[in-house]
Amino acid sequence: MSTIKVIEVLANSPGGFDQAAQEAVAQASKTVHNIKSIYIKEMNARVENGKITSYGVNAKISFELDG
């Protein structure tokens, strides 16, 4: 039996929601190992002068604990 832990990560990207989700995984990977899944809890976008300038996600990332 394994133990799974979930953390929440906020990430942004100028290139779209897919890139923001990838950035969330990249950020988490710096300190967390054995990442198993990502769940996008929320999406948002920043708008300036009528154009989207940045995409953001609030992601739940699950990973398996060692041991």
N, C-alpha and C. Protein backbone atom coordinates (compact mmCIF):
# COMPACT_ATOMS: atom_id res chain seq x y z
N MET A 1 0.84 -1.17 0.00
CA MET A 1 0.00 0.00 0.00
C MET A 1 0.89 1.24 0.00
N SER A 2 0.52 2.25 -0.76
CA SER A 2 1.31 3.47 -0.83
C SER A 2 0.53 4.64 -0.25
N THR A 3 1.28 5.66 0.13
CA THR A 3 0.67 6.88 0.66
C THR A 3 0.83 7.99 -0.36
N ILE A 4 -0.28 8.64 -0.69
CA ILE A 4 -0.28 9.73 -1.65
C ILE A 4 -0.56 11.03 -0.91
N LYS A 5 0.21 12.07 -1.24
CA LYS A 5 0.02 13.39 -0.66
C LYS A 5 -0.35 14.36 -1.78
N VAL A 6 -1.14 15.39 -1.45
CA VAL A 6 -1.57 16.38 -2.44
C VAL A 6 -1.13 17.76 -1.97
N ILE A 7 -0.53 18.52 -2.90
CA ILE A 7 -0.17 19.91 -2.63
C ILE A 7 -0.85 20.80 -3.67
N GLU A 8 -1.00 22.07 -3.35
CA GLU A 8 -1.56 23.04 -4.28
C GLU A 8 -0.46 23.95 -4.77
N VAL A 9 -0.44 24.19 -6.08
CA VAL A 9 0.59 25.01 -6.71
C VAL A 9 -0.09 26.03 -7.62
N LEU A 10 0.35 27.28 -7.54
CA LEU A 10 -0.10 28.32 -8.45
C LEU A 10 0.99 28.55 -9.48
N ALA A 11 0.62 28.62 -10.76
CA ALA A 11 1.61 28.82 -11.81
C ALA A 11 1.03 29.69 -12.92
N ASN A 12 1.91 30.42 -13.60
CA ASN A 12 1.52 31.31 -14.69
C ASN A 12 2.38 31.06 -15.91
N SER A 13 1.84 31.42 -17.08
CA SER A 13 2.58 31.33 -18.32
C SER A 13 1.96 32.30 -19.33
N PRO A 14 2.79 32.95 -20.15
CA PRO A 14 2.23 33.79 -21.21
C PRO A 14 1.72 32.98 -22.39
N GLY A 15 2.02 31.66 -22.41
CA GLY A 15 1.72 30.85 -23.59
C GLY A 15 0.45 30.04 -23.57
N GLY A 16 -0.31 30.06 -22.49
CA GLY A 16 -1.56 29.31 -22.46
C GLY A 16 -1.71 28.47 -21.21
N PHE A 17 -2.90 27.89 -21.06
CA PHE A 17 -3.20 27.10 -19.87
C PHE A 17 -2.36 25.82 -19.82
N ASP A 18 -2.11 25.20 -20.98
CA ASP A 18 -1.28 23.99 -21.01
C ASP A 18 0.12 24.28 -20.48
N GLN A 19 0.69 25.39 -20.91
CA GLN A 19 2.02 25.75 -20.45
C GLN A 19 2.02 26.10 -18.97
N ALA A 20 0.95 26.74 -18.49
CA ALA A 20 0.85 27.05 -17.06
C ALA A 20 0.78 25.77 -16.24
N ALA A 21 0.05 24.77 -16.72
CA ALA A 21 -0.02 23.48 -16.02
C ALA A 21 1.35 22.81 -16.01
N GLN A 22 2.06 22.87 -17.14
CA GLN A 22 3.40 22.29 -17.21
C GLN A 22 4.34 23.01 -16.25
N GLU A 23 4.20 24.32 -16.12
CA GLU A 23 5.01 25.11 -15.19
C GLU A 23 4.72 24.70 -13.75
N ALA A 24 3.47 24.40 -13.44
CA ALA A 24 3.11 23.94 -12.09
C ALA A 24 3.84 22.63 -11.76
N VAL A 25 3.86 21.71 -12.71
CA VAL A 25 4.56 20.44 -12.51
C VAL A 25 6.07 20.69 -12.39
N ALA A 26 6.61 21.56 -13.22
CA ALA A 26 8.04 21.86 -13.17
C ALA A 26 8.43 22.47 -11.82
N GLN A 27 7.60 23.39 -11.32
CA GLN A 27 7.86 24.00 -10.01
C GLN A 27 7.85 22.95 -8.91
N ALA A 28 6.82 22.12 -8.91
CA ALA A 28 6.69 21.10 -7.88
C ALA A 28 7.84 20.09 -7.96
N SER A 29 8.27 19.77 -9.16
CA SER A 29 9.33 18.77 -9.36
C SER A 29 10.67 19.18 -8.75
N LYS A 30 10.84 20.46 -8.49
CA LYS A 30 12.09 20.94 -7.89
C LYS A 30 12.26 20.42 -6.47
N THR A 31 11.16 20.19 -5.76
CA THR A 31 11.26 19.75 -4.36
C THR A 31 10.49 18.48 -4.06
N VAL A 32 9.69 18.00 -5.00
CA VAL A 32 8.84 16.82 -4.78
C VAL A 32 9.19 15.77 -5.82
N HIS A 33 9.25 14.52 -5.40
CA HIS A 33 9.53 13.40 -6.30
C HIS A 33 8.31 12.50 -6.39
N ASN A 34 8.29 11.63 -7.36
CA ASN A 34 7.22 10.65 -7.55
C ASN A 34 5.86 11.29 -7.83
N ILE A 35 5.84 12.39 -8.61
CA ILE A 35 4.57 13.02 -8.96
C ILE A 35 3.75 12.05 -9.81
N LYS A 36 2.48 11.89 -9.45
CA LYS A 36 1.61 10.93 -10.12
C LYS A 36 0.53 11.58 -10.96
N SER A 37 0.02 12.76 -10.54
CA SER A 37 -1.06 13.38 -11.30
C SER A 37 -1.17 14.86 -10.98
N ILE A 38 -1.89 15.56 -11.86
CA ILE A 38 -2.19 16.97 -11.66
C ILE A 38 -3.67 17.17 -11.94
N TYR A 39 -4.32 17.93 -11.09
CA TYR A 39 -5.74 18.28 -11.24
C TYR A 39 -5.82 19.80 -11.27
N ILE A 40 -6.36 20.34 -12.34
CA ILE A 40 -6.49 21.79 -12.45
C ILE A 40 -7.76 22.20 -11.73
N LYS A 41 -7.58 22.86 -10.60
CA LYS A 41 -8.70 23.28 -9.76
C LYS A 41 -9.34 24.56 -10.30
N GLU A 42 -8.52 25.44 -10.83
CA GLU A 42 -9.00 26.75 -11.26
C GLU A 42 -8.11 27.28 -12.37
N MET A 43 -8.71 28.01 -13.31
CA MET A 43 -7.95 28.68 -14.37
C MET A 43 -8.32 30.15 -14.37
N ASN A 44 -7.35 30.99 -14.71
CA ASN A 44 -7.62 32.42 -14.81
C ASN A 44 -6.68 33.02 -15.84
N ALA A 45 -7.00 34.23 -16.26
CA ALA A 45 -6.16 34.93 -17.23
C ALA A 45 -6.12 36.41 -16.89
N ARG A 46 -4.96 37.00 -17.11
CA ARG A 46 -4.78 38.43 -16.89
C ARG A 46 -4.95 39.13 -18.23
N VAL A 47 -5.70 40.23 -18.23
CA VAL A 47 -6.01 40.96 -19.46
C VAL A 47 -5.49 42.39 -19.34
N GLU A 48 -4.81 42.84 -20.40
CA GLU A 48 -4.36 44.23 -20.50
C GLU A 48 -4.66 44.74 -21.90
N ASN A 49 -5.27 45.91 -21.96
CA ASN A 49 -5.62 46.54 -23.24
C ASN A 49 -6.41 45.61 -24.15
N GLY A 50 -7.34 44.87 -23.57
CA GLY A 50 -8.21 44.00 -24.34
C GLY A 50 -7.59 42.71 -24.83
N LYS A 51 -6.37 42.37 -24.34
CA LYS A 51 -5.71 41.15 -24.76
C LYS A 51 -5.23 40.36 -23.54
N ILE A 52 -5.29 39.04 -23.65
CA ILE A 52 -4.78 38.19 -22.58
C ILE A 52 -3.26 38.24 -22.60
N THR A 53 -2.68 38.54 -21.44
CA THR A 53 -1.23 38.65 -21.34
C THR A 53 -0.61 37.51 -20.54
N SER A 54 -1.40 36.82 -19.73
CA SER A 54 -0.87 35.74 -18.90
C SER A 54 -1.99 34.79 -18.51
N TYR A 55 -1.68 33.51 -18.56
CA TYR A 55 -2.62 32.46 -18.17
C TYR A 55 -2.15 31.86 -16.85
N GLY A 56 -3.09 31.56 -15.96
CA GLY A 56 -2.73 31.00 -14.67
C GLY A 56 -3.57 29.80 -14.31
N VAL A 57 -2.99 28.92 -13.51
CA VAL A 57 -3.72 27.76 -13.00
C VAL A 57 -3.46 27.61 -11.51
N ASN A 58 -4.46 27.11 -10.83
CA ASN A 58 -4.34 26.65 -9.45
C ASN A 58 -4.46 25.14 -9.56
N ALA A 59 -3.35 24.45 -9.33
CA ALA A 59 -3.30 23.01 -9.58
C ALA A 59 -3.09 22.23 -8.29
N LYS A 60 -3.74 21.07 -8.21
CA LYS A 60 -3.49 20.12 -7.13
C LYS A 60 -2.60 19.03 -7.73
N ILE A 61 -1.46 18.84 -7.11
CA ILE A 61 -0.50 17.85 -7.60
C ILE A 61 -0.37 16.75 -6.56
N SER A 62 -0.54 15.51 -7.00
CA SER A 62 -0.42 14.37 -6.08
C SER A 62 0.89 13.64 -6.33
N PHE A 63 1.48 13.16 -5.26
CA PHE A 63 2.73 12.42 -5.37
C PHE A 63 2.77 11.33 -4.31
N GLU A 64 3.52 10.29 -4.62
CA GLU A 64 3.65 9.14 -3.72
C GLU A 64 4.82 9.37 -2.77
N LEU A 65 4.58 9.15 -1.49
CA LEU A 65 5.64 9.30 -0.48
C LEU A 65 6.55 8.08 -0.50
N ASP A 66 7.83 8.32 -0.28
CA ASP A 66 8.80 7.23 -0.17
C ASP A 66 8.57 6.45 1.11
N GLY A 67 8.89 5.20 1.05
CA GLY A 67 8.89 4.47 2.30
C GLY A 67 7.95 3.36 2.37
